[in-house]
Amino acid sequence: MGAALTRSAQWTAAAHGARALETTSLNEAILKEVIVFVEGFIYKHPQEANYVFVEPLEWKTNLDPSAFGSGYVVSETTVKSEEADKNGQPLLFLSVPQIKIRSFGQLSRVLYIAKTTKLKEAQACIEANRNPIAKILGLDYNMINEINEDSSVLTLLDKITKDDDPEGGIKMKVALLLKQLDLHLLNRSLKNVSLEIRLNPGTVKNDIELLKRFSGKGEQTVLESIEYTSDYEFSNGCRAPPWRQIQGEICYVLVKPHDAETLCITCSKEGVFLNGGKTDDEGEINYERKGEIYKDLVTLLRGKSAKFSENMSQ
């Protein structure tokens, strides 16, 4: 929930300068791993589940107060948990649509209550709390940074058992669990990246030329048309402007399937994806990625055009 989210998850600019998680298979995998971790926390680590966060995790929820049952005081627009901290403050407080949560136990219960919408709740929470570890452990708490790859579990557990402060010991255990989750997420991300096939200008050009040969009018063609947005090819085989080549982009193509609107597609070393299309101003391209990255052009088109997929299978 720390480095893995900032380094490995795929973020995009959203309205008013906010940042949002993109809709990609990697992000979905990371969210599901976080959900599994949080859902099991209350059963696997019951003592740590009661640890009270330094600051609450807060986000806009889609949950309705009526979804909460026993263990909560519910009104038409608010919910508060009967479970409270030593000062009597509830560990969960919902005032539609804002929800504030201050323990893993309450986070776990909220995911259980969310049921089929738990993925959306997890995403909303992560997007609204870009540094959750700071809120959970405190900005002045450097324990998570002290836990590095060279720190053995036995060394850390020894440090915990020697801690005279029981709350400090629980806090250390929570820090260790978060660090283990972070390393797990990073490994999951690296595994995902290792499975991706990097493209190059030669393979992209071959795919486009092959698709051109089987495009045109007629029921048996795979596409109506496919063409580059630029006729100029650099010596390295790329058609993207130099400042976009730095981002790994190779070229841009306009593709007209038989059963869909024209698609403006970016071909890059990382894969192939839809971009924002051509703008009205002088036909400039909106380079921002829209949606998932596909391993190649054919895979993207299979996902966007049933007719293309059907004709390619013949």
Protein backbone atom coordinates (compact mmCIF):
# COMPACT_ATOMS: atom_id res chain seq x y z
CA MET A 1 0.00 0.00 0.00
CA GLY A 2 3.03 2.27 -0.29
CA ALA A 3 5.75 2.07 -2.92
CA ALA A 4 3.89 -0.51 -4.98
CA LEU A 5 0.94 1.81 -5.50
CA THR A 6 3.03 4.84 -6.42
CA ARG A 7 5.65 3.06 -8.53
CA SER A 8 3.85 0.10 -10.07
CA ALA A 9 0.18 1.04 -10.33
CA GLN A 10 -0.75 2.95 -13.46
CA TRP A 11 -2.05 6.46 -12.74
CA THR A 12 -3.49 9.04 -15.09
CA ALA A 13 -4.38 12.71 -14.86
CA ALA A 14 -8.05 13.32 -14.16
CA ALA A 15 -10.27 16.38 -13.87
CA HIS A 16 -8.98 19.39 -11.92
CA GLY A 17 -5.47 17.97 -11.65
CA ALA A 18 -6.50 14.95 -9.56
CA ARG A 19 -4.96 11.55 -10.22
CA ALA A 20 -6.90 8.36 -10.85
CA LEU A 21 -6.07 4.71 -11.37
CA GLU A 22 -6.30 3.73 -15.01
CA THR A 23 -8.48 0.83 -16.09
CA THR A 24 -5.79 -1.79 -16.72
CA SER A 25 -5.34 -5.47 -15.92
CA LEU A 26 -2.34 -4.64 -13.72
CA ASN A 27 -4.30 -2.15 -11.62
CA GLU A 28 -7.18 -4.59 -11.25
CA ALA A 29 -4.75 -7.29 -10.09
CA ILE A 30 -3.20 -4.90 -7.53
CA LEU A 31 -6.64 -3.88 -6.23
CA LYS A 32 -7.68 -7.51 -5.83
CA GLU A 33 -4.50 -8.29 -3.89
CA VAL A 34 -5.18 -5.35 -1.56
CA ILE A 35 -8.78 -6.54 -1.06
CA VAL A 36 -7.63 -10.07 -0.16
CA PHE A 37 -5.16 -8.58 2.34
CA VAL A 38 -7.72 -6.29 4.00
CA GLU A 39 -10.59 -8.82 4.03
CA GLY A 40 -8.46 -11.43 5.78
CA PHE A 41 -6.87 -8.99 8.23
CA ILE A 42 -9.62 -9.21 10.84
CA TYR A 43 -9.31 -13.01 11.02
CA LYS A 44 -5.57 -13.49 10.54
CA HIS A 45 -4.48 -10.57 12.74
CA PRO A 46 -7.31 -9.83 15.20
CA GLN A 47 -5.12 -7.84 17.61
CA GLU A 48 -3.62 -5.68 14.86
CA ALA A 49 -7.11 -5.23 13.34
CA ASN A 50 -7.98 -3.11 16.39
CA TYR A 51 -5.00 -0.78 15.92
CA VAL A 52 -6.29 2.79 15.55
CA PHE A 53 -4.87 4.72 12.59
CA VAL A 54 -3.10 8.02 13.28
CA GLU A 55 -5.39 9.63 10.69
CA PRO A 56 -8.55 8.18 9.13
CA LEU A 57 -8.68 6.93 5.56
CA GLU A 58 -11.39 9.04 3.94
CA TRP A 59 -13.13 8.78 0.56
CA LYS A 60 -16.45 9.20 -1.22
CA THR A 61 -18.35 5.94 -0.89
CA ASN A 62 -21.28 4.55 -2.84
CA LEU A 63 -22.50 2.62 0.19
CA ASP A 64 -25.93 3.49 1.54
CA PRO A 65 -26.44 3.75 5.32
CA SER A 66 -29.13 1.06 5.05
CA ALA A 67 -26.41 -1.48 4.13
CA PHE A 68 -25.01 -1.34 7.68
CA GLY A 69 -26.50 -3.58 10.35
CA SER A 70 -25.53 -4.69 13.85
CA GLY A 71 -22.53 -2.98 15.37
CA TYR A 72 -23.49 0.39 13.87
CA VAL A 73 -25.72 3.31 14.79
CA VAL A 74 -27.58 4.12 11.59
CA SER A 75 -29.68 7.11 10.52
CA GLU A 76 -30.96 8.17 7.11
CA THR A 77 -27.71 9.92 6.13
CA THR A 78 -25.14 8.86 8.72
CA VAL A 79 -23.54 5.75 10.17
CA LYS A 80 -21.16 5.41 13.10
CA SER A 81 -19.59 2.28 14.50
CA GLU A 82 -20.26 1.21 18.07
CA GLU A 83 -16.58 0.30 18.13
CA ALA A 84 -14.66 3.38 19.29
CA ASP A 85 -11.18 4.48 20.33
CA LYS A 86 -10.13 5.22 23.93
CA ASN A 87 -11.56 8.74 23.57
CA GLY A 88 -14.95 7.45 22.51
CA GLN A 89 -14.57 8.43 18.84
CA PRO A 90 -16.11 5.89 16.41
CA LEU A 91 -13.66 3.94 14.24
CA LEU A 92 -16.06 4.32 11.31
CA PHE A 93 -18.10 7.39 10.51
CA LEU A 94 -20.18 7.85 7.36
CA SER A 95 -21.90 11.09 6.47
CA VAL A 96 -23.18 10.53 2.95
CA PRO A 97 -21.16 10.34 0.78
CA GLN A 98 -17.95 10.76 2.86
CA ILE A 99 -16.71 7.82 4.90
CA LYS A 100 -13.88 7.87 7.47
CA ILE A 101 -12.28 4.66 8.75
CA ARG A 102 -9.58 4.29 11.41
CA SER A 103 -8.86 0.56 11.71
CA PHE A 104 -8.26 -2.49 9.55
CA GLY A 105 -11.10 -4.22 11.36
CA GLN A 106 -13.56 -1.60 10.07
CA LEU A 107 -11.98 -1.63 6.60
CA SER A 108 -12.50 -5.38 6.48
CA ARG A 109 -16.15 -5.04 7.50
CA VAL A 110 -16.80 -2.33 4.90
CA LEU A 111 -15.47 -4.55 2.10
CA TYR A 112 -17.75 -7.33 3.35
CA ILE A 113 -20.72 -4.93 3.34
CA ALA A 114 -19.79 -3.66 -0.16
CA LYS A 115 -20.04 -7.19 -1.63
CA THR A 116 -20.09 -6.83 -5.45
CA THR A 117 -18.90 -3.20 -5.34
CA LYS A 118 -15.82 -3.85 -3.18
CA LEU A 119 -13.46 -3.29 -6.15
CA LYS A 120 -14.90 0.21 -6.68
CA GLU A 121 -14.68 0.98 -2.96
CA ALA A 122 -11.05 -0.15 -2.82
CA GLN A 123 -10.21 1.97 -5.87
CA ALA A 124 -11.96 5.05 -4.45
CA CYS A 125 -10.10 4.61 -1.15
CA ILE A 126 -6.68 4.30 -2.80
CA GLU A 127 -7.28 7.23 -5.17
CA ALA A 128 -8.35 9.49 -2.29
CA ASN A 129 -5.50 8.40 0.01
CA ARG A 130 -2.37 8.46 -2.12
CA ASN A 131 -0.11 7.79 0.89
CA PRO A 132 -2.17 5.47 3.11
CA ILE A 133 0.86 4.32 5.15
CA ALA A 134 1.44 7.89 6.35
CA LYS A 135 -2.16 8.06 7.58
CA ILE A 136 -2.09 4.62 9.16
CA LEU A 137 1.29 4.90 10.91
CA GLY A 138 1.78 8.67 11.10
CA LEU A 139 3.96 11.11 9.17
CA ASP A 140 6.50 11.15 12.00
CA TYR A 141 6.72 7.39 12.09
CA ASN A 142 9.78 6.08 10.19
CA MET A 143 9.37 2.41 11.01
CA ILE A 144 8.19 1.46 7.52
CA ASN A 145 11.32 3.05 6.05
CA GLU A 146 13.56 1.16 8.48
CA ILE A 147 12.21 -2.13 7.17
CA ASN A 148 14.32 -2.82 4.10
CA GLU A 149 15.12 -5.87 2.01
CA ASP A 150 18.00 -6.76 4.37
CA SER A 151 15.78 -6.85 7.46
CA SER A 152 14.93 -10.44 8.33
CA VAL A 153 11.56 -11.30 9.83
CA LEU A 154 13.28 -12.74 12.92
CA THR A 155 15.19 -9.49 13.49
CA LEU A 156 11.99 -7.47 13.26
CA LEU A 157 10.05 -9.82 15.51
CA ASP A 158 12.87 -9.65 18.06
CA LYS A 159 12.60 -5.84 17.99
CA ILE A 160 8.85 -6.10 18.56
CA THR A 161 9.10 -8.43 21.55
CA LYS A 162 11.69 -6.19 23.22
CA ASP A 163 9.46 -3.12 22.88
CA ASP A 164 8.14 -2.15 26.33
CA ASP A 165 5.20 -0.20 24.87
CA PRO A 166 2.39 -2.64 23.92
CA GLU A 167 0.92 -0.13 21.46
CA GLY A 168 4.35 0.37 19.91
CA GLY A 169 4.65 -3.38 19.47
CA ILE A 170 1.30 -3.60 17.68
CA LYS A 171 2.25 -0.62 15.54
CA MET A 172 5.47 -2.37 14.57
CA LYS A 173 3.56 -5.51 13.64
CA VAL A 174 1.21 -3.46 11.46
CA ALA A 175 4.23 -1.82 9.81
CA LEU A 176 5.73 -5.24 9.12
CA LEU A 177 2.48 -6.54 7.61
CA LEU A 178 2.23 -3.45 5.38
CA LYS A 179 5.83 -3.88 4.26
CA GLN A 180 5.19 -7.53 3.40
CA LEU A 181 2.11 -6.50 1.40
CA ASP A 182 4.13 -3.83 -0.40
CA LEU A 183 6.83 -6.32 -1.42
CA HIS A 184 4.15 -8.77 -2.52
CA LEU A 185 2.50 -6.11 -4.71
CA LEU A 186 5.85 -5.11 -6.23
CA ASN A 187 6.63 -8.75 -7.05
CA ARG A 188 3.16 -9.13 -8.56
CA SER A 189 3.78 -6.06 -10.72
CA LEU A 190 7.20 -7.29 -11.84
CA LYS A 191 5.71 -10.64 -12.78
CA ASN A 192 3.06 -8.86 -14.86
CA VAL A 193 5.71 -6.77 -16.64
CA SER A 194 7.87 -9.83 -17.37
CA LEU A 195 4.95 -11.44 -19.20
CA GLU A 196 4.54 -8.46 -21.53
CA ILE A 197 6.15 -8.61 -24.97
CA ARG A 198 7.89 -5.39 -25.93
CA LEU A 199 7.18 -4.25 -29.48
CA ASN A 200 9.62 -2.66 -31.93
CA PRO A 201 9.12 -0.58 -35.11
CA GLY A 202 9.76 -3.60 -37.34
CA THR A 203 7.10 -5.86 -35.84
CA VAL A 204 4.57 -3.02 -35.70
CA LYS A 205 5.19 -2.14 -39.37
CA ASN A 206 4.82 -5.78 -40.42
CA ASP A 207 1.49 -6.06 -38.59
CA ILE A 208 0.15 -2.87 -40.19
CA GLU A 209 1.28 -3.83 -43.70
CA LEU A 210 -0.29 -7.28 -43.32
CA LEU A 211 -3.59 -5.80 -42.13
CA LYS A 212 -3.54 -3.33 -45.05
CA ARG A 213 -3.41 -6.22 -47.52
CA PHE A 214 -6.61 -7.69 -46.10
CA SER A 215 -8.49 -4.39 -45.69
CA GLY A 216 -11.00 -2.71 -47.98
CA LYS A 217 -14.64 -2.96 -49.00
CA GLY A 218 -16.29 -6.36 -48.91
CA GLU A 219 -17.59 -8.83 -46.37
CA GLN A 220 -14.43 -10.94 -46.25
CA THR A 221 -11.97 -8.14 -45.49
CA VAL A 222 -10.84 -7.78 -41.88
CA LEU A 223 -11.04 -3.95 -41.83
CA GLU A 224 -12.42 -1.17 -44.00
CA SER A 225 -9.12 0.70 -43.74
CA ILE A 226 -5.95 1.19 -41.72
CA GLU A 227 -3.51 4.05 -42.27
CA TYR A 228 -0.73 5.92 -40.50
CA THR A 229 -1.43 9.42 -39.22
CA SER A 230 1.98 10.50 -40.57
CA ASP A 231 3.70 9.67 -43.86
CA TYR A 232 7.15 10.53 -42.51
CA GLU A 233 9.25 7.65 -41.21
CA PHE A 234 12.39 8.34 -39.18
CA SER A 235 15.59 6.37 -39.74
CA ASN A 236 14.79 4.22 -36.70
CA GLY A 237 11.48 3.13 -38.22
CA CYS A 238 9.31 5.29 -35.94
CA ARG A 239 6.69 7.77 -37.15
CA ALA A 240 5.95 9.30 -33.75
CA PRO A 241 7.48 12.76 -33.08
CA PRO A 242 10.87 12.61 -31.31
CA TRP A 243 9.39 13.93 -28.03
CA ARG A 244 6.89 11.05 -28.08
CA GLN A 245 9.52 8.49 -29.04
CA ILE A 246 11.15 9.29 -25.69
CA GLN A 247 7.95 7.89 -24.12
CA GLY A 248 8.43 4.68 -26.12
CA GLU A 249 5.81 5.51 -28.77
CA ILE A 250 6.40 4.18 -32.30
CA CYS A 251 3.52 5.39 -34.49
CA TYR A 252 -0.19 6.21 -34.62
CA VAL A 253 -2.77 4.60 -36.90
CA LEU A 254 -6.36 5.32 -37.83
CA VAL A 255 -8.33 2.09 -38.10
CA LYS A 256 -11.90 1.79 -39.46
CA PRO A 257 -13.48 -1.56 -38.53
CA HIS A 258 -16.59 -2.77 -40.37
CA ASP A 259 -18.72 -2.56 -37.24
CA ALA A 260 -17.30 0.33 -35.22
CA GLU A 261 -16.29 3.97 -35.43
CA THR A 262 -12.77 4.91 -36.52
CA LEU A 263 -10.20 4.13 -33.84
CA CYS A 264 -7.09 6.24 -33.25
CA ILE A 265 -4.44 3.88 -31.91
CA THR A 266 -0.98 4.36 -30.42
CA CYS A 267 1.61 1.66 -31.07
CA SER A 268 4.38 1.77 -28.48
CA LYS A 269 7.16 -0.44 -27.16
CA GLU A 270 4.98 -1.24 -24.13
CA GLY A 271 2.03 -2.33 -26.27
CA VAL A 272 -0.92 -0.94 -28.22
CA PHE A 273 -3.74 1.25 -26.88
CA LEU A 274 -6.45 3.72 -27.84
CA ASN A 275 -5.50 7.37 -27.51
CA GLY A 276 -7.70 10.47 -27.29
CA GLY A 277 -8.03 10.70 -31.08
CA LYS A 278 -7.44 13.60 -33.42
CA THR A 279 -8.44 17.01 -32.12
CA ASP A 280 -10.35 19.54 -34.19
CA ASP A 281 -7.39 21.92 -34.12
CA GLU A 282 -5.23 21.13 -37.14
CA GLY A 283 -5.74 17.41 -36.68
CA GLU A 284 -3.36 17.13 -33.72
CA ILE A 285 -3.45 13.89 -31.76
CA ASN A 286 -4.57 13.74 -28.14
CA TYR A 287 -1.84 11.39 -26.91
CA GLU A 288 -3.48 10.51 -23.57
CA ARG A 289 -4.08 6.80 -23.21
CA LYS A 290 -7.70 5.65 -22.99
CA GLY A 291 -8.08 2.28 -21.34
CA GLU A 292 -6.05 -0.89 -21.33
CA ILE A 293 -2.72 -1.68 -23.02
CA TYR A 294 -2.88 -4.66 -25.40
CA LYS A 295 0.09 -6.79 -26.38
CA ASP A 296 -0.32 -6.07 -30.12
CA LEU A 297 -2.58 -4.47 -32.73
CA VAL A 298 -4.49 -7.64 -33.59
CA THR A 299 -5.37 -8.32 -29.94
CA LEU A 300 -6.73 -4.77 -29.51
CA LEU A 301 -8.83 -5.00 -32.68
CA ARG A 302 -10.23 -8.38 -31.66
CA GLY A 303 -11.46 -6.74 -28.47
CA LYS A 304 -13.00 -3.74 -30.25
CA SER A 305 -14.56 -5.36 -33.34
CA ALA A 306 -16.57 -8.59 -33.42
CA LYS A 307 -16.45 -8.52 -37.24
CA PHE A 308 -12.65 -8.26 -37.22
CA SER A 309 -12.40 -11.17 -34.80
CA GLU A 310 -14.82 -13.25 -36.89
CA ASN A 311 -13.02 -12.62 -40.19
CA MET A 312 -9.59 -13.19 -38.66
CA SER A 313 -10.76 -16.62 -37.48
CA GLN A 314 -11.84 -17.75 -40.93
